[in-house]
Structure formats: C-alpha cells, structure tokens
C-alpha cells in the first residue's frame, strides 16, 4: 500500500532500531523513549542531567522510585522480562528514565510536584512510570506528519502515555490491555474517530487495522 508504519515506543533508539530491521520498517522514522526523541535525529542527550535531578530529591520520595539507572542489566532483564542482550539495549538511555513506583497516591503527587519544579514530567505507561524533560509521542507524531504529509493518520496504543497521540491522529485505536486500568473515554470517541478493540496485543492491532482499512475504502468509494 505504500503506507508508512512508524513505531512509537518507550524503548530506546538501539532497541527500536533492532525491531525496525526485524520488521522491515527501517525506511521510516520511529519515535523513541516515549516521545523524547526520534530515531536517526541528532539531539543532545539529557539522561545524565535527568538522573542528577532525580537524585537531588529528598530521600523520602526518591527511594520510592526505582529507575533503570538504579538497576544492573540483569535486574532490568528481571523487571522487563527481556533477555540479557535486549535488557542491555534498554539500559542505553538518552532522554528518559522508566521505573517502578512503590509509594501511595499522595506520595506520587508529591514526587510529581517536586519533579515538575525541576522541569521533569512523569508519565504512566503500560508498565512503568517514565520521567523526562518533556516531549510526547503526539509531539513527535505531529513533526513526522508534517514531513510525510499522509492522506490519513492512524495511531494505536494501550497506555495513558498514548492518549495525546490517539486523540491527535485522524483515527485513534485503543488496544485492549488487560494488565492495566482501562483508559478513560477519549476525545473523538463518540464520533467514531477513536475506537477500542476487544482483543489485546497483536490480534487487537491487526483486527482494528483490517476493519479500519475496509472502512476507509468504503468511505472513499462513497465520496467518489
């Protein structure tokens, strides 16, 4: 079809580069580290500054967040389920710090407030709380759309940090995720521009895309 498939992930550039090559998608851009960067684009790394800011927080909240930078490669493999070689790629971060939060909601709010005072945002993904100095998947998607100028844009995701991207695309697909809290009702959902799948993972992704392609073809025929 000539349609671009742009991976948008919290994974690092080295991780996504491997996936692109395996999937035959390395001719397209890819959004990495939850929107903090785009694969192939040069940008000044901010990870060391992010870690320094994180470590400057009071221990009362700092010890409740365990990021990848606090773990060995073997420990990253344990918490992610990745094999050791993939976990080593996950540790090669440039812009963002994913991790697990062990405190309560009030402590999390205090943690986010203190991070915000340092210019750091904290966004919940499907599995990890990810810290960065800003930039979202929707921001990077907008830049890629401006460059590629597609006829239609479709965004698919299953986590809170996908919401802006899902709402900004022409069509958003909320993939079922039975391991996390259901996403709230999104903008454009009532109009049918945002849809939800019943199946999780690749099955939900595939079924949604096949049905959406049929829908777009039908609409194109009706228009002309």
N, C-alpha and C. Protein backbone atom coordinates (compact mmCIF):
# COMPACT_ATOMS: atom_id res chain seq x y z
N UNK A 1 0.81 -1.22 0.00
CA UNK A 1 0.00 0.00 0.00
C UNK A 1 0.85 1.26 0.00
N UNK A 2 2.12 1.14 0.35
CA UNK A 2 2.97 2.31 0.46
C UNK A 2 2.72 3.12 1.71
N UNK A 3 2.03 2.53 2.68
CA UNK A 3 1.72 3.24 3.92
C UNK A 3 2.89 3.14 4.88
N UNK A 4 3.24 4.26 5.49
CA UNK A 4 4.33 4.27 6.47
C UNK A 4 3.86 3.64 7.77
N UNK A 5 4.73 2.85 8.37
CA UNK A 5 4.48 2.30 9.69
C UNK A 5 5.55 2.86 10.62
N UNK A 6 5.14 3.72 11.51
CA UNK A 6 6.06 4.43 12.39
C UNK A 6 5.92 3.86 13.80
N UNK A 7 6.96 3.20 14.27
CA UNK A 7 6.94 2.68 15.64
C UNK A 7 7.02 3.85 16.62
N UNK A 8 6.22 3.78 17.67
CA UNK A 8 6.21 4.82 18.71
C UNK A 8 6.27 4.11 20.05
N UNK A 9 7.39 4.23 20.74
CA UNK A 9 7.64 3.36 21.88
C UNK A 9 8.38 4.09 22.99
N UNK A 10 8.32 3.53 24.18
CA UNK A 10 9.15 4.00 25.28
C UNK A 10 10.54 3.37 25.21
N UNK A 11 10.74 2.46 24.27
CA UNK A 11 12.03 1.80 24.12
C UNK A 11 13.10 2.79 23.62
N UNK A 12 14.35 2.42 23.82
CA UNK A 12 15.46 3.26 23.39
C UNK A 12 15.69 3.14 21.89
N UNK A 13 16.51 4.05 21.36
CA UNK A 13 16.86 4.01 19.94
C UNK A 13 17.53 2.69 19.56
N UNK A 14 18.50 2.17 20.34
CA UNK A 14 19.09 0.87 19.97
C UNK A 14 18.06 -0.25 19.95
N UNK A 15 17.12 -0.25 20.90
CA UNK A 15 16.08 -1.29 20.91
C UNK A 15 15.19 -1.19 19.68
N UNK A 16 14.72 0.01 19.39
CA UNK A 16 13.79 0.20 18.28
C UNK A 16 14.47 -0.06 16.95
N UNK A 17 15.75 0.28 16.85
CA UNK A 17 16.48 0.03 15.61
C UNK A 17 16.49 -1.45 15.27
N UNK A 18 16.70 -2.30 16.28
CA UNK A 18 16.67 -3.75 16.06
C UNK A 18 15.28 -4.19 15.59
N UNK A 19 14.23 -3.69 16.25
CA UNK A 19 12.87 -4.07 15.88
C UNK A 19 12.54 -3.62 14.46
N UNK A 20 12.94 -2.39 14.10
CA UNK A 20 12.69 -1.89 12.74
C UNK A 20 13.28 -2.83 11.69
N UNK A 21 14.52 -3.22 11.91
CA UNK A 21 15.19 -4.09 10.93
C UNK A 21 14.51 -5.45 10.86
N UNK A 22 14.12 -5.99 12.01
CA UNK A 22 13.45 -7.30 12.03
C UNK A 22 12.11 -7.24 11.31
N UNK A 23 11.43 -6.08 11.39
CA UNK A 23 10.09 -5.93 10.81
C UNK A 23 10.11 -5.33 9.41
N UNK A 24 11.28 -4.98 8.92
CA UNK A 24 11.38 -4.39 7.59
C UNK A 24 10.82 -2.98 7.53
N UNK A 25 10.98 -2.22 8.63
CA UNK A 25 10.41 -0.88 8.72
C UNK A 25 11.48 0.20 8.83
N UNK A 26 12.74 -0.14 8.53
CA UNK A 26 13.81 0.82 8.76
C UNK A 26 13.89 1.93 7.73
N UNK A 27 12.95 1.95 6.76
CA UNK A 27 12.88 3.08 5.84
C UNK A 27 12.06 4.23 6.40
N UNK A 28 11.39 3.99 7.56
CA UNK A 28 10.53 5.00 8.16
C UNK A 28 11.14 5.53 9.45
N UNK A 29 10.74 6.74 9.86
CA UNK A 29 11.19 7.23 11.17
C UNK A 29 10.55 6.42 12.29
N UNK A 30 11.05 6.58 13.50
CA UNK A 30 10.48 5.91 14.66
C UNK A 30 10.60 6.83 15.87
N UNK A 31 9.57 6.83 16.69
CA UNK A 31 9.54 7.64 17.92
C UNK A 31 10.05 6.79 19.06
N UNK A 32 11.04 7.31 19.80
CA UNK A 32 11.68 6.53 20.85
C UNK A 32 11.56 7.22 22.21
N UNK A 33 11.80 6.45 23.24
CA UNK A 33 11.79 6.94 24.62
C UNK A 33 10.56 7.79 24.94
N UNK A 34 9.41 7.25 24.52
CA UNK A 34 8.13 7.85 24.89
C UNK A 34 7.92 9.25 24.31
N UNK A 35 8.56 9.52 23.17
CA UNK A 35 8.40 10.82 22.53
C UNK A 35 9.50 11.81 22.82
N UNK A 36 10.51 11.39 23.58
CA UNK A 36 11.62 12.29 23.89
C UNK A 36 12.57 12.44 22.71
N UNK A 37 12.49 11.53 21.73
CA UNK A 37 13.38 11.61 20.58
C UNK A 37 12.82 10.86 19.39
N UNK A 38 13.48 11.05 18.23
CA UNK A 38 13.12 10.34 17.00
C UNK A 38 14.38 9.63 16.51
N UNK A 39 14.25 8.36 16.20
CA UNK A 39 15.38 7.57 15.74
C UNK A 39 16.00 8.20 14.49
N UNK A 40 17.31 8.38 14.52
CA UNK A 40 18.01 8.95 13.38
C UNK A 40 18.21 10.44 13.45
N UNK A 41 17.50 11.10 14.33
CA UNK A 41 17.67 12.54 14.51
C UNK A 41 18.65 12.81 15.64
N UNK A 42 19.60 13.70 15.38
CA UNK A 42 20.56 14.02 16.42
C UNK A 42 19.96 15.01 17.40
N UNK A 43 20.11 14.73 18.66
CA UNK A 43 19.63 15.62 19.72
C UNK A 43 20.55 15.44 20.93
N UNK A 44 20.75 16.50 21.68
CA UNK A 44 21.63 16.42 22.83
C UNK A 44 21.03 15.52 23.90
N UNK A 45 21.77 14.49 24.33
CA UNK A 45 21.25 13.61 25.38
C UNK A 45 21.02 14.37 26.68
N UNK A 46 19.95 14.03 27.36
CA UNK A 46 19.61 14.69 28.62
C UNK A 46 19.55 13.71 29.78
N UNK A 47 19.94 12.46 29.55
CA UNK A 47 19.77 11.43 30.56
C UNK A 47 20.60 11.69 31.82
N UNK A 48 21.86 12.09 31.66
CA UNK A 48 22.70 12.34 32.82
C UNK A 48 22.14 13.47 33.66
N UNK A 49 21.65 14.52 33.02
CA UNK A 49 21.06 15.65 33.74
C UNK A 49 19.78 15.21 34.44
N UNK A 50 19.00 14.35 33.78
CA UNK A 50 17.76 13.84 34.37
C UNK A 50 18.06 13.02 35.62
N UNK A 51 19.06 12.15 35.54
CA UNK A 51 19.42 11.32 36.70
C UNK A 51 19.94 12.18 37.85
N UNK A 52 20.71 13.21 37.52
CA UNK A 52 21.24 14.09 38.57
C UNK A 52 20.10 14.81 39.28
N UNK A 53 19.12 15.28 38.50
CA UNK A 53 17.97 15.97 39.10
C UNK A 53 17.16 15.01 39.97
N UNK A 54 16.98 13.78 39.49
CA UNK A 54 16.24 12.77 40.26
C UNK A 54 16.94 12.49 41.59
N UNK A 55 18.25 12.36 41.54
CA UNK A 55 19.00 12.05 42.75
C UNK A 55 19.08 13.22 43.73
N UNK A 56 18.70 14.42 43.27
CA UNK A 56 18.71 15.58 44.16
C UNK A 56 17.45 15.66 45.02
N UNK A 57 16.46 14.83 44.74
CA UNK A 57 15.20 14.86 45.50
C UNK A 57 15.40 14.30 46.91
N UNK A 58 14.57 14.73 47.85
CA UNK A 58 14.65 14.18 49.21
C UNK A 58 14.46 12.66 49.20
N UNK A 59 15.19 11.98 50.05
CA UNK A 59 15.14 10.52 50.07
C UNK A 59 13.75 9.99 50.37
N UNK A 60 12.93 10.82 51.06
CA UNK A 60 11.58 10.37 51.42
C UNK A 60 10.75 9.99 50.20
N UNK A 61 11.00 10.66 49.07
CA UNK A 61 10.29 10.29 47.84
C UNK A 61 11.21 9.60 46.85
N UNK A 62 12.50 9.95 46.88
CA UNK A 62 13.43 9.37 45.90
C UNK A 62 13.50 7.85 46.00
N UNK A 63 13.51 7.31 47.22
CA UNK A 63 13.69 5.87 47.37
C UNK A 63 12.47 5.08 46.92
N UNK A 64 11.34 5.77 46.68
CA UNK A 64 10.12 5.09 46.25
C UNK A 64 10.09 4.85 44.74
N UNK A 65 11.04 5.47 44.03
CA UNK A 65 11.13 5.28 42.58
C UNK A 65 12.42 4.54 42.25
N UNK A 66 12.30 3.40 41.60
CA UNK A 66 13.46 2.62 41.19
C UNK A 66 13.51 2.62 39.67
N UNK A 67 14.43 3.40 39.13
CA UNK A 67 14.55 3.53 37.69
C UNK A 67 15.55 2.54 37.10
N UNK A 68 15.58 2.49 35.77
CA UNK A 68 16.53 1.58 35.11
C UNK A 68 17.97 1.92 35.50
N UNK A 69 18.23 3.23 35.75
CA UNK A 69 19.57 3.64 36.13
C UNK A 69 19.97 3.16 37.51
N UNK A 70 19.02 2.68 38.29
CA UNK A 70 19.30 2.13 39.61
C UNK A 70 19.54 0.63 39.56
N UNK A 71 19.41 0.04 38.39
CA UNK A 71 19.44 -1.41 38.26
C UNK A 71 20.61 -1.87 37.40
N UNK A 72 21.05 -3.09 37.62
CA UNK A 72 22.00 -3.73 36.73
C UNK A 72 21.25 -4.24 35.49
N UNK A 73 21.99 -4.63 34.47
CA UNK A 73 21.36 -5.19 33.27
C UNK A 73 20.55 -6.43 33.61
N UNK A 74 21.09 -7.28 34.50
CA UNK A 74 20.36 -8.49 34.90
C UNK A 74 19.06 -8.14 35.61
N UNK A 75 19.10 -7.09 36.44
CA UNK A 75 17.88 -6.66 37.14
C UNK A 75 16.87 -6.07 36.16
N UNK A 76 17.33 -5.33 35.16
CA UNK A 76 16.43 -4.81 34.12
C UNK A 76 15.78 -5.98 33.38
N UNK A 77 16.56 -7.02 33.12
CA UNK A 77 16.00 -8.21 32.47
C UNK A 77 14.90 -8.83 33.33
N UNK A 78 15.11 -8.83 34.64
CA UNK A 78 14.12 -9.42 35.55
C UNK A 78 12.82 -8.62 35.55
N UNK A 79 12.90 -7.29 35.63
CA UNK A 79 11.68 -6.48 35.75
C UNK A 79 10.95 -6.33 34.42
N UNK A 80 11.67 -6.50 33.31
CA UNK A 80 11.04 -6.32 31.99
C UNK A 80 10.69 -7.65 31.33
N UNK A 81 11.34 -8.72 31.73
CA UNK A 81 11.15 -10.00 31.05
C UNK A 81 11.96 -10.12 29.77
N UNK A 82 12.87 -9.16 29.56
CA UNK A 82 13.70 -9.18 28.35
C UNK A 82 14.89 -10.11 28.52
N UNK A 83 15.39 -10.70 27.43
CA UNK A 83 16.66 -11.42 27.53
C UNK A 83 17.79 -10.42 27.80
N UNK A 84 18.92 -10.91 28.26
CA UNK A 84 20.00 -10.04 28.71
C UNK A 84 20.49 -9.08 27.63
N UNK A 85 20.60 -9.57 26.37
CA UNK A 85 21.10 -8.69 25.32
C UNK A 85 20.13 -7.55 25.05
N UNK A 86 18.82 -7.84 25.10
CA UNK A 86 17.82 -6.79 24.91
C UNK A 86 17.77 -5.85 26.10
N UNK A 87 17.96 -6.39 27.31
CA UNK A 87 17.99 -5.55 28.50
C UNK A 87 19.16 -4.58 28.46
N UNK A 88 20.28 -5.02 27.90
CA UNK A 88 21.44 -4.14 27.76
C UNK A 88 21.12 -2.97 26.84
N UNK A 89 20.34 -3.21 25.79
CA UNK A 89 19.92 -2.13 24.89
C UNK A 89 18.95 -1.19 25.60
N UNK A 90 18.09 -1.75 26.46
CA UNK A 90 17.13 -0.94 27.21
C UNK A 90 17.83 -0.01 28.18
N UNK A 91 19.03 -0.39 28.60
CA UNK A 91 19.79 0.43 29.55
C UNK A 91 20.49 1.60 28.87
N UNK A 92 20.56 1.57 27.53
CA UNK A 92 21.27 2.62 26.79
C UNK A 92 20.35 3.81 26.54
N UNK A 93 20.02 4.52 27.59
CA UNK A 93 19.04 5.60 27.50
C UNK A 93 19.72 6.93 27.21
N UNK A 94 18.98 7.79 26.48
CA UNK A 94 19.50 9.11 26.15
C UNK A 94 18.65 10.23 26.73
N UNK A 95 17.34 9.99 26.90
CA UNK A 95 16.44 11.09 27.24
C UNK A 95 15.51 10.82 28.42
N UNK A 96 15.24 9.60 28.75
CA UNK A 96 14.16 9.32 29.70
C UNK A 96 14.54 8.20 30.65
N UNK A 97 13.82 8.14 31.78
CA UNK A 97 14.08 7.15 32.81
C UNK A 97 12.79 6.45 33.21
N UNK A 98 12.58 5.22 32.75
CA UNK A 98 11.42 4.45 33.23
C UNK A 98 11.75 3.77 34.55
N UNK A 99 10.72 3.51 35.32
CA UNK A 99 10.95 2.82 36.58
C UNK A 99 9.65 2.44 37.25
N UNK A 100 9.77 1.80 38.39
CA UNK A 100 8.62 1.36 39.17
C UNK A 100 8.44 2.26 40.40
N UNK A 101 7.18 2.62 40.67
CA UNK A 101 6.84 3.44 41.82
C UNK A 101 6.24 2.54 42.89
N UNK A 102 6.71 2.66 44.13
CA UNK A 102 6.24 1.80 45.20
C UNK A 102 5.47 2.54 46.28
N UNK A 103 5.31 3.86 46.12
CA UNK A 103 4.59 4.64 47.12
C UNK A 103 3.10 4.72 46.86
N UNK A 104 2.39 5.47 47.72
CA UNK A 104 0.95 5.64 47.55
C UNK A 104 0.66 6.85 46.66
N UNK A 105 -0.62 7.12 46.43
CA UNK A 105 -1.01 8.19 45.52
C UNK A 105 -0.57 9.57 46.02
N UNK A 106 -0.68 9.79 47.33
CA UNK A 106 -0.28 11.09 47.89
C UNK A 106 1.22 11.30 47.72
N UNK A 107 1.99 10.27 47.95
CA UNK A 107 3.44 10.35 47.77
C UNK A 107 3.80 10.55 46.30
N UNK A 108 3.03 9.91 45.42
CA UNK A 108 3.27 10.09 43.99
C UNK A 108 2.99 11.53 43.57
N UNK A 109 1.94 12.12 44.10
CA UNK A 109 1.61 13.51 43.78
C UNK A 109 2.74 14.44 44.24
N UNK A 110 3.29 14.19 45.42
CA UNK A 110 4.41 14.99 45.93
C UNK A 110 5.65 14.80 45.06
N UNK A 111 5.88 13.57 44.64
CA UNK A 111 7.01 13.24 43.77
C UNK A 111 6.89 14.00 42.45
N UNK A 112 5.71 13.99 41.86
CA UNK A 112 5.50 14.69 40.59
C UNK A 112 5.65 16.20 40.76
N UNK A 113 5.18 16.73 41.88
CA UNK A 113 5.31 18.17 42.13
C UNK A 113 6.78 18.56 42.21
N UNK A 114 7.55 17.78 42.91
CA UNK A 114 8.98 18.08 43.05
C UNK A 114 9.71 17.92 41.73
N UNK A 115 9.33 16.94 40.95
CA UNK A 115 9.91 16.79 39.62
C UNK A 115 9.54 17.96 38.73
N UNK A 116 8.26 18.37 38.81
CA UNK A 116 7.79 19.48 37.99
C UNK A 116 8.56 20.75 38.24
N UNK A 117 8.95 20.98 39.49
CA UNK A 117 9.73 22.16 39.84
C UNK A 117 11.10 22.13 39.18
N UNK A 118 11.55 20.95 38.77
CA UNK A 118 12.84 20.78 38.09
C UNK A 118 12.67 20.66 36.58
N UNK A 119 11.43 20.85 36.10
CA UNK A 119 11.17 20.76 34.66
C UNK A 119 11.03 19.35 34.14
N UNK A 120 10.76 18.41 35.04
CA UNK A 120 10.66 17.00 34.66
C UNK A 120 9.20 16.55 34.71
N UNK A 121 8.77 15.86 33.70
CA UNK A 121 7.42 15.30 33.69
C UNK A 121 7.49 13.81 34.00
N UNK A 122 6.43 13.28 34.59
CA UNK A 122 6.32 11.86 34.91
C UNK A 122 5.05 11.33 34.26
N UNK A 123 5.19 10.35 33.38
CA UNK A 123 4.04 9.85 32.63
C UNK A 123 3.95 8.34 32.81
N UNK A 124 2.71 7.87 33.05
CA UNK A 124 2.48 6.45 33.27
C UNK A 124 2.30 5.72 31.96
N UNK A 125 3.12 4.72 31.72
CA UNK A 125 2.97 3.87 30.56
C UNK A 125 2.23 2.60 30.93
N UNK A 126 2.30 1.61 30.06
CA UNK A 126 1.62 0.36 30.33
C UNK A 126 2.21 -0.38 31.52
N UNK A 127 3.53 -0.20 31.74
CA UNK A 127 4.18 -0.93 32.83
C UNK A 127 4.97 -0.01 33.76
N UNK A 128 5.57 1.03 33.23
CA UNK A 128 6.48 1.85 34.01
C UNK A 128 6.06 3.31 34.05
N UNK A 129 6.49 3.98 35.11
CA UNK A 129 6.39 5.43 35.22
C UNK A 129 7.66 5.98 34.58
N UNK A 130 7.51 6.84 33.56
CA UNK A 130 8.67 7.32 32.82
C UNK A 130 8.88 8.81 33.03
N UNK A 131 10.11 9.18 33.36
CA UNK A 131 10.48 10.57 33.62
C UNK A 131 11.25 11.12 32.43
N UNK A 132 11.00 12.40 32.11
CA UNK A 132 11.75 13.05 31.04
C UNK A 132 11.62 14.56 31.19
N UNK A 133 12.39 15.28 30.40
CA UNK A 133 12.29 16.73 30.38
C UNK A 133 11.24 17.21 29.38
N UNK A 134 10.32 16.36 29.00
CA UNK A 134 9.21 16.76 28.14
C UNK A 134 9.28 16.11 26.77
N UNK A 135 8.28 16.42 25.97
CA UNK A 135 8.15 15.80 24.66
C UNK A 135 7.27 14.58 24.76
N UNK A 136 6.28 14.49 23.90
CA UNK A 136 5.35 13.36 23.92
C UNK A 136 5.34 12.66 22.57
N UNK A 137 4.74 11.49 22.54
CA UNK A 137 4.58 10.79 21.27
C UNK A 137 3.77 11.64 20.29
N UNK A 138 2.79 12.38 20.81
CA UNK A 138 1.97 13.24 19.95
C UNK A 138 2.81 14.36 19.34
N UNK A 139 3.73 14.93 20.10
CA UNK A 139 4.61 15.97 19.57
C UNK A 139 5.41 15.45 18.40
N UNK A 140 6.03 14.29 18.60
CA UNK A 140 6.87 13.73 17.54
C UNK A 140 6.01 13.28 16.35
N UNK A 141 4.81 12.75 16.62
CA UNK A 141 3.92 12.35 15.54
C UNK A 141 3.58 13.55 14.67
N UNK A 142 3.31 14.70 15.30
CA UNK A 142 2.99 15.90 14.53
C UNK A 142 4.12 16.30 13.61
N UNK A 143 5.36 16.19 14.08
CA UNK A 143 6.52 16.53 13.24
C UNK A 143 6.64 15.57 12.06
N UNK A 144 6.42 14.28 12.32
CA UNK A 144 6.53 13.28 11.25
C UNK A 144 5.41 13.47 10.23
N UNK A 145 4.20 13.77 10.69
CA UNK A 145 3.08 14.02 9.78
C UNK A 145 3.39 15.22 8.89
N UNK A 146 3.94 16.28 9.47
CA UNK A 146 4.27 17.48 8.70
C UNK A 146 5.29 17.17 7.62
N UNK A 147 6.16 16.21 7.88
CA UNK A 147 7.19 15.84 6.91
C UNK A 147 6.67 14.89 5.84
N UNK A 148 5.93 13.85 6.24
CA UNK A 148 5.47 12.82 5.31
C UNK A 148 4.18 13.20 4.59
N UNK A 149 3.37 14.05 5.21
CA UNK A 149 2.09 14.51 4.64
C UNK A 149 1.20 13.34 4.18
N UNK A 150 0.81 12.45 5.10
CA UNK A 150 -0.05 11.32 4.73
C UNK A 150 -1.49 11.76 4.47
N UNK A 151 -2.22 10.93 3.73
CA UNK A 151 -3.65 11.18 3.49
C UNK A 151 -4.43 10.95 4.77
N UNK A 152 -4.12 9.88 5.47
CA UNK A 152 -4.76 9.55 6.74
C UNK A 152 -3.68 9.24 7.77
N UNK A 153 -3.97 9.52 9.02
CA UNK A 153 -3.07 9.11 10.10
C UNK A 153 -3.84 8.26 11.10
N UNK A 154 -3.22 7.17 11.51
CA UNK A 154 -3.81 6.25 12.48
C UNK A 154 -2.81 6.05 13.61
N UNK A 155 -3.26 6.20 14.83
CA UNK A 155 -2.41 5.95 16.00
C UNK A 155 -3.03 4.82 16.81
N UNK A 156 -2.19 3.90 17.26
CA UNK A 156 -2.65 2.78 18.07
C UNK A 156 -1.84 2.73 19.35
N UNK A 157 -2.53 2.54 20.49
CA UNK A 157 -1.83 2.48 21.77
C UNK A 157 -2.71 1.88 22.84
N UNK A 158 -2.10 1.61 24.00
CA UNK A 158 -2.85 0.93 25.07
C UNK A 158 -2.58 1.49 26.45
N UNK A 159 -1.89 2.64 26.53
CA UNK A 159 -1.46 3.15 27.84
C UNK A 159 -1.78 4.63 27.99
N UNK A 160 -1.79 5.14 29.22
CA UNK A 160 -2.07 6.56 29.43
C UNK A 160 -1.14 7.49 28.65
N UNK A 161 0.13 7.10 28.48
CA UNK A 161 1.04 7.97 27.75
C UNK A 161 0.82 7.96 26.24
N UNK A 162 -0.19 7.22 25.78
CA UNK A 162 -0.58 7.22 24.37
C UNK A 162 -1.75 8.15 24.08
N UNK A 163 -2.39 8.69 25.12
CA UNK A 163 -3.67 9.38 24.94
C UNK A 163 -3.56 10.56 23.97
N UNK A 164 -2.56 11.43 24.16
CA UNK A 164 -2.45 12.59 23.26
C UNK A 164 -2.27 12.16 21.81
N UNK A 165 -1.49 11.12 21.59
CA UNK A 165 -1.27 10.62 20.25
C UNK A 165 -2.56 10.06 19.65
N UNK A 166 -3.30 9.31 20.45
CA UNK A 166 -4.56 8.73 19.98
C UNK A 166 -5.56 9.81 19.59
N UNK A 167 -5.59 10.89 20.37
CA UNK A 167 -6.55 11.97 20.12
C UNK A 167 -6.11 12.88 18.99
N UNK A 168 -4.80 12.95 18.71
CA UNK A 168 -4.30 13.86 17.70
C UNK A 168 -4.36 13.28 16.29
N UNK A 169 -4.40 11.96 16.16
CA UNK A 169 -4.45 11.32 14.85
C UNK A 169 -5.85 11.44 14.25
N UNK A 170 -5.93 11.24 12.93
CA UNK A 170 -7.25 11.21 12.29
C UNK A 170 -8.10 10.10 12.89
N UNK A 171 -7.46 8.96 13.15
CA UNK A 171 -8.13 7.82 13.77
C UNK A 171 -7.25 7.28 14.88
N UNK A 172 -7.84 7.08 16.05
CA UNK A 172 -7.12 6.51 17.17
C UNK A 172 -7.70 5.16 17.53
N UNK A 173 -6.84 4.22 17.85
CA UNK A 173 -7.28 2.87 18.23
C UNK A 173 -6.71 2.54 19.61
N UNK A 174 -7.61 2.35 20.57
CA UNK A 174 -7.21 1.95 21.92
C UNK A 174 -7.17 0.42 21.94
N UNK A 175 -5.97 -0.12 22.02
CA UNK A 175 -5.81 -1.57 22.06
C UNK A 175 -6.09 -2.05 23.49
N UNK A 176 -6.92 -3.06 23.62
CA UNK A 176 -7.24 -3.60 24.95
C UNK A 176 -5.97 -4.02 25.67
N UNK A 177 -5.88 -3.67 26.93
CA UNK A 177 -4.74 -4.06 27.77
C UNK A 177 -5.30 -4.55 29.09
N UNK A 178 -5.32 -5.85 29.27
CA UNK A 178 -5.95 -6.44 30.45
C UNK A 178 -5.05 -6.42 31.68
N UNK A 179 -3.84 -5.85 31.53
CA UNK A 179 -2.90 -5.78 32.65
C UNK A 179 -2.84 -4.40 33.27
N UNK A 180 -3.63 -3.46 32.78
CA UNK A 180 -3.62 -2.11 33.35
C UNK A 180 -5.04 -1.54 33.35
N UNK A 181 -5.20 -0.42 34.03
CA UNK A 181 -6.51 0.22 34.16
C UNK A 181 -7.01 0.69 32.80
N UNK A 182 -8.30 0.53 32.55
CA UNK A 182 -8.90 0.95 31.29
C UNK A 182 -8.73 2.45 31.10
N UNK A 183 -8.36 2.86 29.89
CA UNK A 183 -8.21 4.29 29.61
C UNK A 183 -9.57 4.98 29.68
N UNK A 184 -9.61 6.24 30.13
CA UNK A 184 -10.88 6.97 30.18
C UNK A 184 -11.42 7.23 28.79
N UNK A 185 -12.67 7.64 28.70
CA UNK A 185 -13.25 7.98 27.41
C UNK A 185 -12.48 9.13 26.80
N UNK A 186 -12.13 8.99 25.52
CA UNK A 186 -11.26 9.95 24.87
C UNK A 186 -12.04 10.90 23.96
N UNK A 187 -11.43 12.03 23.69
CA UNK A 187 -11.98 12.98 22.73
C UNK A 187 -12.12 12.27 21.39
N UNK A 188 -13.20 12.54 20.67
CA UNK A 188 -13.50 11.96 19.35
C UNK A 188 -13.99 10.51 19.41
N UNK A 189 -14.11 9.96 20.61
CA UNK A 189 -14.59 8.58 20.70
C UNK A 189 -16.07 8.49 20.32
N UNK A 190 -16.86 9.48 20.72
CA UNK A 190 -18.29 9.46 20.41
C UNK A 190 -18.54 9.55 18.90
N UNK A 191 -17.64 10.23 18.19
CA UNK A 191 -17.81 10.40 16.74
C UNK A 191 -17.30 9.20 15.95
N UNK A 192 -16.66 8.25 16.63
CA UNK A 192 -16.13 7.07 15.94
C UNK A 192 -14.72 7.26 15.43
N UNK A 193 -14.11 8.41 15.73
CA UNK A 193 -12.73 8.64 15.30
C UNK A 193 -11.74 7.94 16.22
N UNK A 194 -12.18 7.61 17.43
CA UNK A 194 -11.39 6.79 18.34
C UNK A 194 -12.20 5.54 18.63
N UNK A 195 -11.60 4.38 18.40
CA UNK A 195 -12.28 3.11 18.61
C UNK A 195 -11.48 2.25 19.59
N UNK A 196 -12.12 1.24 20.13
CA UNK A 196 -11.47 0.34 21.08
C UNK A 196 -11.58 -1.10 20.58
N UNK A 197 -10.53 -1.86 20.83
CA UNK A 197 -10.56 -3.26 20.44
C UNK A 197 -10.98 -4.13 21.63
N UNK A 198 -11.50 -5.28 21.33
CA UNK A 198 -11.82 -6.25 22.37
C UNK A 198 -10.62 -7.15 22.64
N UNK A 199 -9.79 -7.35 21.63
CA UNK A 199 -8.61 -8.21 21.77
C UNK A 199 -7.39 -7.37 22.12
N UNK A 200 -6.47 -7.98 22.84
CA UNK A 200 -5.24 -7.30 23.24
C UNK A 200 -4.13 -7.57 22.23
N UNK A 201 -3.06 -6.79 22.35
CA UNK A 201 -1.82 -7.06 21.63
C UNK A 201 -1.96 -7.12 20.12
N UNK A 202 -1.15 -7.97 19.46
CA UNK A 202 -1.13 -8.04 18.00
C UNK A 202 -2.49 -8.38 17.38
N UNK A 203 -3.27 -9.23 18.06
CA UNK A 203 -4.58 -9.59 17.50
C UNK A 203 -5.50 -8.37 17.42
N UNK A 204 -5.52 -7.59 18.52
CA UNK A 204 -6.33 -6.37 18.50
C UNK A 204 -5.83 -5.37 17.48
N UNK A 205 -4.52 -5.22 17.39
CA UNK A 205 -3.89 -4.30 16.41
C UNK A 205 -4.30 -4.69 15.00
N UNK A 206 -4.15 -6.00 14.68
CA UNK A 206 -4.45 -6.48 13.33
C UNK A 206 -5.92 -6.32 12.98
N UNK A 207 -6.79 -6.73 13.88
CA UNK A 207 -8.23 -6.66 13.59
C UNK A 207 -8.66 -5.20 13.40
N UNK A 208 -8.15 -4.32 14.25
CA UNK A 208 -8.52 -2.90 14.14
C UNK A 208 -8.07 -2.32 12.81
N UNK A 209 -6.85 -2.63 12.38
CA UNK A 209 -6.34 -2.08 11.13
C UNK A 209 -7.09 -2.63 9.92
N UNK A 210 -7.39 -3.93 9.93
CA UNK A 210 -8.12 -4.51 8.80
C UNK A 210 -9.51 -3.90 8.68
N UNK A 211 -10.19 -3.73 9.82
CA UNK A 211 -11.53 -3.14 9.80
C UNK A 211 -11.47 -1.66 9.40
N UNK A 212 -10.45 -0.95 9.86
CA UNK A 212 -10.32 0.46 9.53
C UNK A 212 -9.99 0.65 8.06
N UNK A 213 -9.16 -0.21 7.50
CA UNK A 213 -8.84 -0.12 6.07
C UNK A 213 -10.09 -0.36 5.23
N UNK A 214 -10.91 -1.32 5.63
CA UNK A 214 -12.18 -1.56 4.93
C UNK A 214 -13.08 -0.34 5.03
N UNK A 215 -13.13 0.26 6.19
CA UNK A 215 -13.96 1.45 6.40
C UNK A 215 -13.49 2.61 5.54
N UNK A 216 -12.21 2.85 5.48
CA UNK A 216 -11.67 3.95 4.68
C UNK A 216 -11.91 3.72 3.19
N UNK A 217 -11.78 2.46 2.76
CA UNK A 217 -12.04 2.15 1.36
C UNK A 217 -13.49 2.38 1.02
N UNK A 218 -14.39 1.98 1.93
CA UNK A 218 -15.83 2.20 1.72
C UNK A 218 -16.16 3.68 1.66
N UNK A 219 -15.58 4.47 2.56
CA UNK A 219 -15.84 5.92 2.56
C UNK A 219 -15.32 6.56 1.29
N UNK A 220 -14.16 6.10 0.82
CA UNK A 220 -13.59 6.67 -0.42
C UNK A 220 -14.49 6.36 -1.60
N UNK A 221 -15.06 5.15 -1.64
CA UNK A 221 -15.96 4.79 -2.74
C UNK A 221 -17.24 5.63 -2.70
N UNK A 222 -17.75 5.88 -1.50
CA UNK A 222 -18.96 6.69 -1.38
C UNK A 222 -18.74 8.13 -1.82
N UNK A 223 -17.50 8.63 -1.59
CA UNK A 223 -17.21 10.01 -1.93
C UNK A 223 -16.83 10.19 -3.39
N UNK A 224 -16.61 9.02 -4.03
CA UNK A 224 -16.34 9.29 -5.35
C UNK A 224 -15.83 8.61 -6.40
